[in-house]
Protein backbone atom coordinates (compact mmCIF):
# COMPACT_ATOMS: atom_id res chain seq x y z
CA MET A 1 80.89 98.76 72.09
CA THR A 2 78.43 97.47 69.50
CA ALA A 3 74.86 98.75 70.01
CA ILE A 4 71.45 97.18 69.30
CA GLU A 5 68.51 99.58 69.44
CA ILE A 6 65.22 98.05 70.63
CA GLY A 7 62.10 99.34 68.94
CA ALA A 8 58.42 98.57 69.31
CA ASP A 9 58.71 95.30 67.38
CA LEU A 10 60.21 92.90 69.88
CA ALA A 11 60.41 90.18 67.22
CA GLU A 12 63.37 92.10 65.80
CA LEU A 13 65.01 91.96 69.23
CA ASP A 14 64.58 88.19 69.32
CA ALA A 15 66.13 87.85 65.87
CA ALA A 16 69.05 90.10 66.81
CA MET A 17 69.75 88.09 69.97
CA GLU A 18 69.62 84.80 68.10
CA ALA A 19 72.23 86.14 65.68
CA LEU A 20 74.71 87.00 68.46
CA PRO A 21 77.70 84.71 69.03
CA ASN A 22 77.89 82.59 72.16
CA SER A 23 81.21 84.17 73.13
CA PRO A 24 82.67 85.92 76.20
CA ALA A 25 81.56 89.55 76.34
CA VAL A 26 80.81 92.57 78.49
CA PHE A 27 77.38 94.10 77.95
CA LEU A 28 75.19 97.03 78.99
CA LEU A 29 71.39 97.09 79.08
CA TRP A 30 70.02 100.63 78.98
CA PRO A 31 66.55 101.22 80.53
CA LYS A 32 63.84 103.08 78.68
CA GLY A 33 63.92 106.82 79.19
CA ALA A 34 61.50 109.62 79.87
CA GLU A 35 58.48 108.12 78.11
CA ALA A 36 58.58 104.91 80.14
CA ALA A 37 59.15 106.75 83.41
CA SER A 38 56.31 109.16 82.61
CA ALA A 39 54.02 106.27 81.72
CA ARG A 40 54.87 104.57 84.99
CA GLY A 41 54.12 107.80 86.83
CA GLU A 42 50.74 108.17 85.13
CA THR A 43 49.90 104.53 85.88
CA ALA A 44 50.84 105.01 89.51
CA GLY A 45 48.74 108.17 89.58
CA ALA A 46 45.74 106.33 88.21
CA ARG A 47 46.24 103.62 90.82
CA GLY A 48 46.45 106.27 93.52
CA GLU A 49 43.25 107.98 92.39
CA THR A 50 41.47 104.63 92.28
CA ALA A 51 42.67 103.81 95.78
CA GLY A 52 41.54 107.24 96.98
CA ALA A 53 38.09 106.73 95.47
CA ARG A 54 37.85 103.34 97.14
CA GLY A 55 38.87 104.92 100.43
CA GLU A 56 36.24 107.65 100.16
CA ALA A 57 33.60 105.07 99.29
CA ALA A 58 34.61 102.94 102.25
CA SER A 59 34.51 106.00 104.51
CA ALA A 60 30.99 106.82 103.24
CA ARG A 61 29.89 103.25 103.91
CA GLY A 62 31.36 103.50 107.37
CA GLU A 63 29.47 106.73 108.12
CA ALA A 64 26.25 105.19 106.82
CA ALA A 65 26.79 102.13 108.97
CA SER A 66 27.47 104.38 111.95
CA ALA A 67 24.24 106.29 111.27
CA ARG A 68 22.34 103.07 111.02
CA GLY A 69 23.87 101.98 114.25
CA GLU A 70 22.79 105.15 116.02
CA ALA A 71 19.27 104.97 114.51
CA ALA A 72 18.93 101.35 115.53
CA SER A 73 20.25 101.80 119.05
CA ALA A 74 17.41 99.56 120.18
CA ARG A 75 19.08 96.74 118.34
CA GLY A 76 22.07 97.14 120.61
CA GLU A 77 25.34 98.94 121.04
CA ALA A 78 27.11 96.20 119.09
CA ALA A 79 25.84 97.47 115.74
CA SER A 80 27.04 100.99 116.62
CA ALA A 81 30.49 99.67 117.43
CA ARG A 82 30.61 97.83 114.09
CA GLY A 83 29.65 101.07 112.34
CA GLU A 84 32.42 103.02 114.06
CA ALA A 85 34.94 100.32 113.14
CA ALA A 86 33.82 100.43 109.52
CA SER A 87 34.17 104.22 109.54
CA ALA A 88 37.72 103.91 110.88
CA ARG A 89 38.59 101.39 108.16
CA GLY A 90 37.22 103.77 105.57
CA GLU A 91 39.36 106.65 106.86
CA ALA A 92 42.46 104.42 106.79
CA ALA A 93 41.72 103.38 103.20
CA SER A 94 41.29 107.04 102.27
CA ALA A 95 44.67 107.85 103.82
CA ARG A 96 46.32 105.03 101.84
CA GLY A 97 44.77 106.40 98.68
CA GLU A 98 46.15 109.87 99.40
CA ALA A 99 49.64 108.38 100.01
CA ALA A 100 49.44 106.47 96.72
CA SER A 101 48.45 109.69 94.94
CA ALA A 102 51.47 111.46 96.47
CA ARG A 103 53.80 108.70 95.27
CA ALA A 104 52.26 108.92 91.83
CA GLU A 105 52.90 112.65 91.69
CA THR A 106 56.55 112.08 92.65
CA ALA A 107 56.90 109.44 89.93
CA SER A 108 55.33 111.78 87.40
CA ALA A 109 57.78 114.52 88.40
CA ARG A 110 60.64 112.16 87.56
CA GLY A 111 59.05 111.25 84.26
CA GLY A 112 61.26 113.59 82.25
CA ALA A 113 64.46 111.69 83.11
CA ALA A 114 65.60 108.13 82.75
CA GLU A 115 65.23 105.97 85.80
CA GLY A 116 68.69 104.86 87.04
CA GLY A 117 71.75 103.80 85.06
CA PRO A 118 72.42 100.82 82.80
CA TYR A 119 72.70 97.18 83.82
CA LEU A 120 76.38 96.24 83.42
CA SER A 121 77.70 92.68 83.50
CA LYS A 122 80.02 90.19 81.84
CA THR A 123 79.38 86.68 80.61
CA ASN A 124 81.10 83.74 78.97
CA LEU A 125 78.08 83.05 76.72
CA LEU A 126 76.60 86.29 75.41
CA ARG A 127 73.66 84.94 73.42
CA ARG A 128 72.47 82.59 76.17
CA ARG A 129 72.74 85.32 78.84
CA LEU A 130 70.78 87.90 76.84
CA LEU A 131 68.10 85.38 75.92
CA ARG A 132 67.69 84.55 79.59
CA LEU A 133 67.30 88.24 80.45
CA LEU A 134 65.25 89.43 77.48
CA LYS A 135 63.41 86.53 75.89
CA GLU A 136 59.64 86.34 76.29
CA ARG A 137 58.64 83.80 78.92
CA GLU A 138 56.06 81.14 78.16
CA ARG A 139 55.02 80.97 81.80
CA PRO A 140 55.49 83.22 84.85
CA SER A 141 58.94 82.93 86.43
CA ARG A 142 60.84 84.37 89.35
CA LEU A 143 63.93 84.92 87.18
CA LEU A 144 64.78 88.51 86.26
CA ASN A 145 63.28 89.54 82.93
CA LEU A 146 64.00 92.96 81.41
CA ARG A 147 62.28 92.48 78.06
CA HIS A 148 59.88 95.41 78.40
CA THR A 149 62.21 97.81 80.21
CA VAL A 150 65.30 97.90 77.96
CA SER A 151 65.75 100.37 75.12
CA ARG A 152 69.30 99.57 73.96
CA ILE A 153 71.89 96.81 74.23
CA GLU A 154 75.60 97.51 74.04
CA TYR A 155 78.17 94.73 74.04
CA CYS A 156 81.87 94.16 73.51
CA LEU A 157 83.15 90.70 72.59
CA THR A 158 86.33 89.63 74.37
CA GLY A 159 88.87 86.92 73.81
CA SER A 160 89.73 86.01 77.40
CA ALA A 161 88.63 86.33 81.01
CA PHE A 162 91.39 88.89 81.60
CA GLU A 163 90.17 91.08 78.74
CA SER A 164 86.60 90.79 80.06
CA ALA A 165 87.75 91.96 83.50
CA LEU A 166 89.54 94.96 81.99
CA VAL A 167 86.63 95.98 79.75
CA LEU A 168 84.21 95.59 82.67
CA TYR A 169 86.42 97.83 84.83
CA GLU A 170 86.68 100.53 82.17
CA GLN A 171 82.94 100.53 81.47
CA ALA A 172 82.07 100.55 85.18
CA ARG A 173 84.42 103.46 85.77
CA ARG A 174 82.86 105.34 82.88
CA HIS A 175 79.21 104.83 83.79
CA PHE A 176 79.44 104.50 87.59
CA PRO A 177 82.30 106.80 88.64
CA GLY A 178 81.28 106.83 92.29
CA THR A 179 80.62 103.14 92.89
CA TYR A 180 82.52 101.20 90.23
CA LEU A 181 84.89 99.48 92.68
CA GLU A 182 81.96 98.08 94.66
CA LEU A 183 80.14 97.16 91.46
CA ILE A 184 82.97 94.99 90.11
CA LYS A 185 84.05 93.92 93.63
CA LEU A 186 87.65 95.03 93.06
CA ARG A 187 89.79 94.91 96.19
CA MET A 188 93.24 96.43 96.35
CA PRO A 189 96.00 93.85 96.96
CA PRO A 190 98.34 94.23 99.96
CA TYR A 191 101.91 95.53 99.77
CA VAL A 192 104.80 95.64 102.20
CA LYS A 193 105.59 99.35 102.53
CA ILE A 194 108.90 100.76 103.75
CA VAL A 195 108.09 104.26 105.03
CA LEU A 196 111.20 106.16 103.92
CA ALA A 197 109.79 109.60 104.75
CA ASN A 198 110.19 108.86 108.47
CA GLN A 199 113.43 109.78 110.22
CA PHE A 200 113.59 106.19 111.43
CA PRO A 201 111.92 104.21 108.62
CA ARG A 202 109.80 101.17 109.39
CA SER A 203 107.64 98.72 107.48
CA HIS A 204 103.93 97.97 107.53
CA ILE A 205 101.23 96.37 105.36
CA THR A 206 99.07 98.63 103.19
CA THR A 207 96.61 98.31 100.33
CA HIS A 208 96.99 101.87 99.04
CA LEU A 209 99.75 103.53 97.05
CA ALA A 210 100.64 107.06 98.15
CA ARG A 211 102.78 109.88 96.82
CA SER A 212 105.00 109.99 99.89
CA THR A 213 108.57 108.68 99.71
CA ALA A 214 108.30 104.92 100.20
CA LEU A 215 109.11 101.54 98.72
CA TYR A 216 106.18 99.27 97.90
CA PHE A 217 106.87 95.54 97.62
CA GLY A 218 104.02 93.54 96.14
CA PRO A 219 101.31 92.87 95.12
CA PHE A 220 100.69 89.86 97.36
CA ARG A 221 97.99 87.23 97.07
CA SER A 222 96.49 88.08 100.48
CA ARG A 223 97.20 90.07 103.61
CA VAL A 224 98.17 86.87 105.40
CA SER A 225 100.93 86.10 102.90
CA ALA A 226 102.15 89.72 103.02
CA GLU A 227 102.33 89.68 106.83
CA ARG A 228 104.13 86.32 106.82
CA PHE A 229 106.76 87.59 104.37
CA GLU A 230 107.21 90.86 106.29
CA SER A 231 107.72 89.05 109.57
CA GLN A 232 110.26 86.62 108.12
CA PHE A 233 112.34 89.06 106.10
CA LEU A 234 112.58 91.49 109.03
CA ASP A 235 114.26 88.68 110.99
CA LEU A 236 117.20 89.06 108.59
CA PHE A 237 117.75 92.69 109.58
CA GLN A 238 117.63 94.95 112.61
CA LEU A 239 114.87 97.28 111.46
CA ARG A 240 112.44 98.49 114.09
CA ARG A 241 108.98 96.91 114.15
CA CYS A 242 107.16 99.40 116.37
CA GLN A 243 104.57 101.62 114.69
CA GLU A 244 105.02 104.73 116.83
CA ASP A 245 106.66 107.99 115.75
CA LEU A 246 109.85 107.80 117.75
CA ALA A 247 111.05 110.44 120.18
CA PRO A 248 114.46 108.89 121.00
CA SER A 249 115.46 109.06 124.64
CA PRO A 250 117.74 107.00 126.91
CA GLU A 251 114.73 106.59 129.24
CA HIS A 252 112.61 104.94 126.54
CA PRO A 253 111.48 101.49 127.79
CA GLY A 254 112.36 99.77 124.47
CA CYS A 255 110.85 96.43 123.42
CA ILE A 256 111.52 92.72 123.30
CA TYR A 257 113.09 92.93 119.82
CA GLY A 258 115.77 95.25 121.15
CA GLU A 259 116.51 92.86 124.00
CA MET A 260 116.85 90.01 121.49
CA ALA A 261 119.29 92.04 119.32
CA MET A 262 116.72 92.07 116.49
CA CYS A 263 116.48 95.89 116.46
CA LEU A 264 119.13 98.61 116.56
CA ARG A 265 117.10 100.39 119.31
CA PRO A 266 117.02 103.92 117.88
CA CYS A 267 114.29 104.64 120.45
CA GLN A 268 116.91 104.43 123.23
CA GLU A 269 119.52 106.37 121.22
CA VAL A 270 121.74 103.31 120.93
CA VAL A 271 122.22 104.33 117.29
CA GLY A 272 121.63 107.63 115.53
CA PRO A 273 119.76 108.38 112.28
CA ALA A 274 122.89 107.86 110.14
CA GLU A 275 123.71 104.39 111.45
CA TYR A 276 120.05 103.36 111.36
CA GLY A 277 119.83 104.70 107.80
CA HIS A 278 122.62 102.32 106.77
CA GLU A 279 120.50 99.38 107.92
CA VAL A 280 117.48 100.79 106.07
CA ALA A 281 119.60 101.00 102.90
CA ARG A 282 120.40 97.29 103.26
CA VAL A 283 116.68 96.50 103.58
CA VAL A 284 115.81 98.58 100.52
CA ASP A 285 118.58 96.93 98.47
CA PHE A 286 117.33 93.51 99.57
CA LEU A 287 113.79 94.22 98.34
CA ARG A 288 114.84 96.00 95.14
CA THR A 289 117.17 93.18 94.09
CA ASP A 290 114.79 90.37 95.14
CA GLY A 291 117.27 89.36 97.86
CA GLN A 292 120.30 89.11 95.59
CA SER A 293 122.20 91.85 97.45
CA LEU A 294 122.16 89.86 100.69
CA LEU A 295 122.62 86.47 99.02
CA GLY A 296 125.68 87.77 97.16
CA ALA A 297 127.28 89.14 100.32
CA ILE A 298 126.67 85.91 102.24
CA ALA A 299 127.97 83.75 99.38
CA HIS A 300 131.13 85.86 99.15
CA SER A 301 131.71 85.56 102.90
CA ARG A 302 131.07 81.79 102.81
CA ASP A 303 133.54 81.26 99.96
CA ARG A 304 136.19 83.39 101.65
CA LEU A 305 135.86 81.48 104.93
CA SER A 306 136.05 78.19 103.05
CA GLU A 307 139.27 79.26 101.33
CA GLU A 308 140.71 80.20 104.73
CA MET A 309 139.86 76.70 105.99
CA LEU A 310 137.35 78.05 108.52
CA PHE A 311 134.80 75.41 107.72
CA GLU A 312 132.59 75.85 110.78
CA GLU A 313 132.12 79.53 110.03
CA ALA A 314 131.58 78.73 106.35
CA ALA A 315 128.89 76.19 107.29
CA ARG A 316 127.21 78.82 109.48
CA GLN A 317 127.19 81.26 106.56
CA HIS A 318 125.78 78.54 104.29
CA LYS A 319 122.89 77.95 106.71
CA ARG A 320 122.27 81.69 106.69
CA TYR A 321 122.28 81.59 102.88
CA GLU A 322 119.66 78.82 102.90
CA ARG A 323 117.58 80.78 105.40
CA VAL A 324 117.49 83.81 103.07
CA GLN A 325 116.42 81.56 100.21
CA GLU A 326 113.55 80.20 102.33
CA VAL A 327 112.38 83.74 103.09
CA LEU A 328 112.46 84.69 99.41
CA LYS A 329 110.28 81.69 98.58
CA MET A 330 107.59 83.13 100.87
CA ALA A 331 107.11 86.11 98.54
CA ASP A 332 104.25 85.60 96.08
CA GLU A 333 105.06 85.33 92.39
CA LEU A 334 104.16 88.91 91.42
CA ALA A 335 105.70 90.49 94.53
CA ARG A 336 108.60 92.85 93.93
CA ASP A 337 109.43 96.54 94.16
CA ILE A 338 106.60 97.90 92.03
CA ASP A 339 108.96 100.42 90.40
CA ARG A 340 110.73 97.35 89.00
CA LEU A 341 107.58 95.43 88.06
CA ASN A 342 108.03 94.75 84.34
CA GLY A 343 106.26 92.11 82.32
CA VAL A 344 103.62 91.20 79.79
CA ALA A 345 100.40 89.20 80.07
CA ILE A 346 99.59 87.14 76.97
CA THR A 347 95.99 86.08 76.40
CA ARG A 348 93.83 84.72 73.61
CA SER A 349 92.41 87.13 71.05
CA LEU A 350 89.12 87.35 69.18
CA ALA A 351 91.06 87.62 65.95
CA ALA A 352 92.24 84.44 64.30
CA ASP A 353 96.01 83.85 64.33
CA ALA A 354 96.61 86.52 66.97
CA VAL A 355 97.09 87.01 70.72
CA GLU A 356 96.59 90.03 72.96
CA MET A 357 99.55 91.46 74.86
CA TRP A 358 99.08 93.56 78.03
CA PHE A 359 102.19 95.42 79.11
CA VAL A 360 103.35 96.58 82.54
CA ARG A 361 106.37 98.87 82.65
CA GLU A 362 107.90 99.90 85.99
CA GLY A 363 104.57 99.22 87.65
CA TRP A 364 102.57 101.34 85.17
CA TRP A 365 99.91 99.94 82.85
CA GLN A 366 100.65 100.46 79.14
CA GLU A 367 98.53 100.42 76.00
CA PRO A 368 97.81 96.82 74.95
CA GLN A 369 98.86 95.48 71.56
CA ARG A 370 97.42 92.79 69.31
CA PHE A 371 100.16 90.47 68.12
CA SER A 372 99.25 88.69 64.88
CA PHE A 373 101.04 85.91 63.02
CA GLU A 374 101.02 87.60 59.67
CA VAL A 375 102.29 86.13 56.44
CA ARG A 376 104.21 88.30 53.97
CA ASP A 377 104.75 87.17 50.40
CA GLY A 378 103.59 83.68 51.26
CA ALA A 379 106.15 83.26 54.07
CA PRO A 380 105.60 83.69 57.82
CA VAL A 381 107.37 86.55 59.58
CA SER A 382 109.95 85.70 62.24
CA LEU A 383 108.23 85.81 65.65
CA ASP A 384 111.40 87.06 67.32
CA ARG A 385 111.68 90.02 64.96
CA LYS A 386 107.95 90.78 65.13
CA LEU A 387 108.07 90.73 68.95
CA ARG A 388 110.98 93.14 69.00
CA GLU A 389 109.00 95.49 66.77
CA THR A 390 105.95 95.18 69.03
CA PHE A 391 107.88 96.00 72.21
CA ALA A 392 109.64 98.89 70.48
CA ALA A 393 106.21 100.35 69.66
CA VAL A 394 105.14 100.43 73.34
CA ALA A 395 105.41 104.09 74.33
CA PRO A 396 105.97 104.59 78.08
CA ARG A 397 103.06 106.29 79.78
CA LYS A 398 102.16 107.13 83.38
CA LEU A 399 98.57 107.21 84.56
CA THR A 400 97.25 108.70 87.76
CA LEU A 401 98.27 107.03 91.02
CA ARG A 402 94.74 105.74 91.48
CA GLU A 403 94.70 104.18 88.00
CA ARG A 404 98.08 102.59 88.66
CA GLN A 405 96.77 101.03 91.85
CA GLU A 406 93.58 99.74 90.24
CA TYR A 407 95.25 98.24 87.16
CA LEU A 408 97.75 96.46 89.41
CA ALA A 409 94.77 95.17 91.42
CA LEU A 410 93.22 93.78 88.22
CA LEU A 411 96.52 92.14 87.28
CA ALA A 412 96.88 90.60 90.75
CA ARG A 413 93.29 89.33 90.80
CA TRP A 414 93.76 87.67 87.40
CA TYR A 415 97.20 86.20 88.16
CA TYR A 416 96.31 84.76 91.58
CA SER A 417 92.88 83.50 90.49
CA SER A 418 91.81 79.95 89.72
CA TRP A 419 90.33 81.11 86.38
CA ARG A 420 93.56 82.60 85.00
CA ASP A 421 93.88 82.13 81.27
CA GLY A 422 96.97 83.03 79.32
CA GLU A 423 100.51 83.54 80.63
CA TRP A 424 102.48 86.18 82.49
CA LEU A 425 106.15 86.70 81.68
CA ALA A 426 108.15 88.93 84.02
CA PHE A 427 111.56 90.40 83.24
CA GLU A 428 114.04 92.81 84.81
CA SER A 429 113.65 95.68 82.33
CA TYR A 430 112.50 96.52 78.83
CA GLY A 431 116.14 96.57 77.79
CA ASP A 432 116.61 92.94 78.83
CA ILE A 433 113.59 91.04 77.46
CA PRO A 434 113.92 87.23 77.19
CA TYR A 435 112.59 86.95 73.65
CA ARG A 436 113.08 83.18 73.43
CA LYS A 437 110.83 82.64 76.47
CA LEU A 438 108.41 85.17 75.02
CA VAL A 439 108.18 83.32 71.69
CA ASN A 440 107.45 80.06 73.54
CA ALA A 441 104.77 81.72 75.70
CA VAL A 442 103.07 83.25 72.64
CA ALA A 443 103.11 79.88 70.89
CA ARG A 444 101.54 78.14 73.90
CA VAL A 445 98.74 80.69 74.20
CA ALA A 446 98.05 80.59 70.45
CA ALA A 447 97.90 76.79 70.55
CA SER A 448 95.32 76.88 73.35
CA LYS A 449 92.73 78.75 71.21
């Protein structure tokens, strides 16, 4: 972060802001510290003492009016009543003055520490945004103006909206560790979770990653899309859909899915844990292979039946094949087993003739790299070779589970947004990277600068 210190001469601040680029950036505005808070406390104290003096004076006037009312009782009880009312108003004003003095003392007690944290935000036009917040106004305005309350400006220029979102997240987490998710309005995306720790595993929708044994398929665009995919893919198998912890018994009432042969009915002991576990293994293979395990089995059966001249059965298997394809299309673009989520986001860079690359390896966020189109000895370097060197330099790392969840949330918010800039290229593993597609994606992003 680049810092600008604000001194007593605000003309220097104006000159510094005018010199800033009108580029995307994340910035922090730090409030003035102990001196400003102490000054505010002393000002409030002076206001409180003034209000107290006014209250005492009003009370004295009220007592005098009351005395005059009593002395002039011949002039009527009305004057006495007015005097008592004036006395009451004076006592109320005195009480308000004492309350103001108490608030002033509290403010003075806080004078040794800065008041609150910094103002954190992001913008697409840094100079215009800071001028709006800090420039001297020619006339009174309702717009927020922090010109006389800021002591330091910190900013970080970014090359893309995705980079701005990441820098904003990291700065918010650093300066507001307890409230940073609410500050940046980051919501966790939904996943389809297969609870493998249960004796009779089941699926459900969740927005949190846990350490328990489970398969997480996602992230999805929304909970609605996750629920739609879960409902449709479960129709392909006989996995239970109930959410209870089963206590299998022949007397168990069962459910409609068991009656429709859409569940193996472990609740009624129709199958045991071993046979049910075989069906769970099929579900897990289906999700881990993006449906290819089931599609391959159906295609093999269809071809075999066709060779045996059983065309009606082959046609039935082909319809089943098409049904599986329809279900797979319901999964959002990023959705997959997160332990197999590999890819790279490519965005514009601040540097000329360069792009930024943001790596995800097995669902874990990696250190980003700047990929530049360097020229050696007057000749450009092969992009394919340079990309191979860049990917070889990415050292695998694993963050905390919470960091993994939040970085995936940032990736999902960027990818599914209407303001997405740059490209995302997914691949099966870091040992099988489609470098030709990667070269084309890098070229497209570089051309969009």
